Every structure is written in structure tokens, then in C-alpha cells.
């Protein structure tokens, strides 16, 4: 499966670790997609609003922002939960796929926008910081997708 819509989720792992807590966040995550020309908005912000065609496959890829990758931090997606709407429908909600080379399991998911409309969903990620004594945080935020 090759998605036509690519969503990248970059997480500032040092910022998340500085919060020292789990739960909903309002900063430290930067989402981008390849659909700006189609009408996506909030590129580079926490609450990306992806716009695509109904039927589109959507790939979600999470990556840590850590100092030159030297800290060993990891970001993996743990869930997508519908808040409102039904674009993915029950059948095509994002599911975990094999990761890209040298990426941890859970860092790549694919879903399909089946129905026209707008769906708001919560994304949860597991952020692991440090090498010697890894610390794990679970953080969440809301994003949306509109299919036409």
C-alpha cells in the first residue's frame, strides 16, 4: 500500500520530557502533510487540518526531534480515537504498519478516508527519552481530516 497523503508528526522530545507528565498537550508537536495545495491548513502546528479526497490512503509517520538523533529518543503512535465525525469509518481507521528502515515499531500507521465529511480525532504517542535510564511519556492532542 502506498498512501497518496503523507502526514509527518515531529515531536520535540526534550520539551515533552520537561513537562514530566502524561496527558493532553498544547505545544511541542509539529504536524505536516503533503496536501497544502488541496487546502490543508495549520501546517507545522499541533492541530493539523488535512484535506484530501474520499478514498485516499493516509500514511502517518512519527519522528523524534532530538539533538542530532544522539539521545536515542523514540516516538511511536499508540492510538487514534475518533472525537467527532466518521471519515475513516470503522473499517478504515488507521492501523499500525511495518515501520520504515531504522524506525521503531509503531512509528508508521495507515488509514483510509472513506466517507466525505470531517472527522476530528485524538492521536496518542508514546515518547521515550534517554538511553541509560529511559523515561516514557504518553501524550495526546487533536487533529482533523476533511475528505471531499
Protein backbone atom coordinates (compact mmCIF):
# COMPACT_ATOMS: atom_id res chain seq x y z
CA UNK A 1 0.00 0.00 0.00
CA UNK A 2 1.32 3.40 -0.97
CA UNK A 3 -0.59 6.29 0.58
CA UNK A 4 -1.19 9.38 -1.54
CA UNK A 5 -1.46 11.50 1.60
CA UNK A 6 1.58 11.68 3.88
CA UNK A 7 1.33 13.11 7.40
CA UNK A 8 4.53 13.62 9.39
CA UNK A 9 4.41 14.04 13.15
CA UNK A 10 7.58 15.53 14.66
CA UNK A 11 7.78 15.61 18.45
CA UNK A 12 10.15 17.80 20.47
CA UNK A 13 11.14 15.07 22.92
CA UNK A 14 13.14 17.39 25.21
CA UNK A 15 10.08 19.60 25.63
CA UNK A 16 7.81 16.64 26.39
CA UNK A 17 10.33 15.36 28.95
CA UNK A 18 10.45 18.81 30.58
CA UNK A 19 6.70 18.55 31.27
CA UNK A 20 7.27 15.39 33.33
CA UNK A 21 3.62 14.39 32.92
CA UNK A 22 1.28 12.40 30.68
CA UNK A 23 -1.90 13.70 29.07
CA UNK A 24 -3.12 16.28 26.57
CA UNK A 25 -0.52 18.76 25.37
CA UNK A 26 -0.73 22.14 23.67
CA UNK A 27 2.84 22.53 22.35
CA UNK A 28 5.85 20.51 21.25
CA UNK A 29 4.31 18.62 18.30
CA UNK A 30 4.60 19.73 14.70
CA UNK A 31 2.40 18.09 12.05
CA UNK A 32 2.81 18.44 8.29
CA UNK A 33 1.16 16.85 5.28
CA UNK A 34 1.58 16.92 1.52
CA UNK A 35 -1.89 18.36 0.90
CA UNK A 36 -1.35 22.11 1.32
CA UNK A 37 -2.25 22.68 -2.35
CA UNK A 38 -5.50 20.76 -1.75
CA UNK A 39 -6.50 23.02 1.14
CA UNK A 40 -4.85 21.56 4.25
CA UNK A 41 -4.19 24.11 6.98
CA UNK A 42 -2.28 24.52 10.24
CA UNK A 43 0.88 23.03 8.70
CA UNK A 44 3.62 22.84 11.31
CA UNK A 45 1.19 23.10 14.20
CA UNK A 46 -0.26 20.69 16.69
CA UNK A 47 -3.76 20.68 15.20
CA UNK A 48 -3.16 19.89 11.52
CA UNK A 49 -6.27 20.00 9.35
CA UNK A 50 -5.64 17.60 6.47
CA UNK A 51 -7.81 17.89 3.37
CA UNK A 52 -7.95 15.03 0.87
CA UNK A 53 -10.23 13.11 -1.48
CA UNK A 54 -12.54 10.39 -0.20
CA UNK A 55 -10.86 7.06 -0.87
CA UNK A 56 -7.34 8.38 -0.17
CA UNK A 57 -4.90 6.27 1.80
CA UNK A 58 -3.21 8.34 4.51
CA UNK A 59 0.17 7.46 6.00
CA UNK A 60 1.08 8.80 9.45
CA UNK A 61 4.79 8.78 10.35
CA UNK A 62 6.11 9.87 13.76
CA UNK A 63 9.67 11.03 14.42
CA UNK A 64 11.51 12.50 17.42
CA UNK A 65 13.17 15.88 17.29
CA UNK A 66 16.25 15.21 19.38
CA UNK A 67 19.77 16.62 19.19
CA UNK A 68 21.12 15.04 16.00
CA UNK A 69 19.43 11.78 16.93
CA UNK A 70 22.11 11.21 19.56
CA UNK A 71 19.80 10.86 22.55
CA UNK A 72 18.11 7.67 21.37
CA UNK A 73 14.65 9.19 21.82
CA UNK A 74 11.71 7.44 20.17
CA UNK A 75 8.17 8.46 19.27
CA UNK A 76 5.62 5.80 18.40
CA UNK A 77 1.93 6.20 17.73
CA UNK A 78 -0.23 4.20 20.13
CA UNK A 79 -3.75 5.14 19.05
CA UNK A 80 -6.18 7.20 17.00
CA UNK A 81 -9.53 7.84 18.70
CA UNK A 82 -12.46 9.48 16.93
CA UNK A 83 -13.80 12.56 18.71
CA UNK A 84 -16.42 13.51 16.11
CA UNK A 85 -17.27 12.69 12.50
CA UNK A 86 -16.83 9.47 10.55
CA UNK A 87 -14.39 9.94 7.64
CA UNK A 88 -12.36 6.81 8.42
CA UNK A 89 -15.49 4.80 9.27
CA UNK A 90 -14.99 1.76 11.47
CA UNK A 91 -13.41 -0.24 8.66
CA UNK A 92 -10.55 2.07 7.68
CA UNK A 93 -9.41 3.68 10.91
CA UNK A 94 -5.57 3.97 10.93
CA UNK A 95 -3.72 0.78 11.79
CA UNK A 96 -0.09 0.10 12.58
CA UNK A 97 2.08 -0.91 9.62
CA UNK A 98 5.68 -2.16 9.41
CA UNK A 99 8.00 0.80 10.15
CA UNK A 100 10.43 2.44 7.77
CA UNK A 101 14.02 1.10 8.00
CA UNK A 102 15.77 2.02 11.25
CA UNK A 103 12.50 3.24 12.82
CA UNK A 104 10.74 1.67 15.82
CA UNK A 105 7.58 -0.41 15.53
CA UNK A 106 4.53 1.83 15.85
CA UNK A 107 6.07 4.83 14.10
CA UNK A 108 4.08 4.27 10.88
CA UNK A 109 0.31 3.87 10.51
CA UNK A 110 -2.04 3.89 7.52
CA UNK A 111 -5.74 4.78 7.37
CA UNK A 112 -8.20 5.45 4.56
CA UNK A 113 -10.61 8.35 4.22
CA UNK A 114 -13.75 6.51 3.13
CA UNK A 115 -16.65 8.91 3.72
CA UNK A 116 -16.90 12.56 2.71
CA UNK A 117 -17.01 14.95 5.66
CA UNK A 118 -14.80 16.00 8.55
CA UNK A 119 -13.50 13.84 11.37
CA UNK A 120 -11.73 15.14 14.45
CA UNK A 121 -9.56 12.59 16.18
CA UNK A 122 -7.17 12.30 19.11
CA UNK A 123 -3.69 10.99 18.43
CA UNK A 124 -1.74 9.45 21.31
CA UNK A 125 2.01 8.84 21.12
CA UNK A 126 4.48 7.14 23.41
CA UNK A 127 7.61 9.27 23.82
CA UNK A 128 10.68 7.52 25.18
CA UNK A 129 13.60 9.73 26.19
CA UNK A 130 17.11 8.81 27.27
CA UNK A 131 19.33 5.79 26.77
CA UNK A 132 20.76 4.80 30.15
CA UNK A 133 17.50 5.09 32.09
CA UNK A 134 14.70 5.57 29.53
CA UNK A 135 11.65 7.52 30.67
CA UNK A 136 8.27 7.05 28.95
CA UNK A 137 5.55 9.67 28.48
CA UNK A 138 2.15 9.25 26.81
CA UNK A 139 0.84 12.46 25.26
CA UNK A 140 -2.24 13.23 23.18
CA UNK A 141 -3.69 16.02 21.03
CA UNK A 142 -6.45 16.51 18.46
CA UNK A 143 -6.17 16.84 14.68
CA UNK A 144 -8.73 16.57 11.87
CA UNK A 145 -9.23 15.32 8.35
CA UNK A 146 -11.70 16.52 5.74
CA UNK A 147 -12.49 14.32 2.77
CA UNK A 148 -14.38 15.58 -0.27
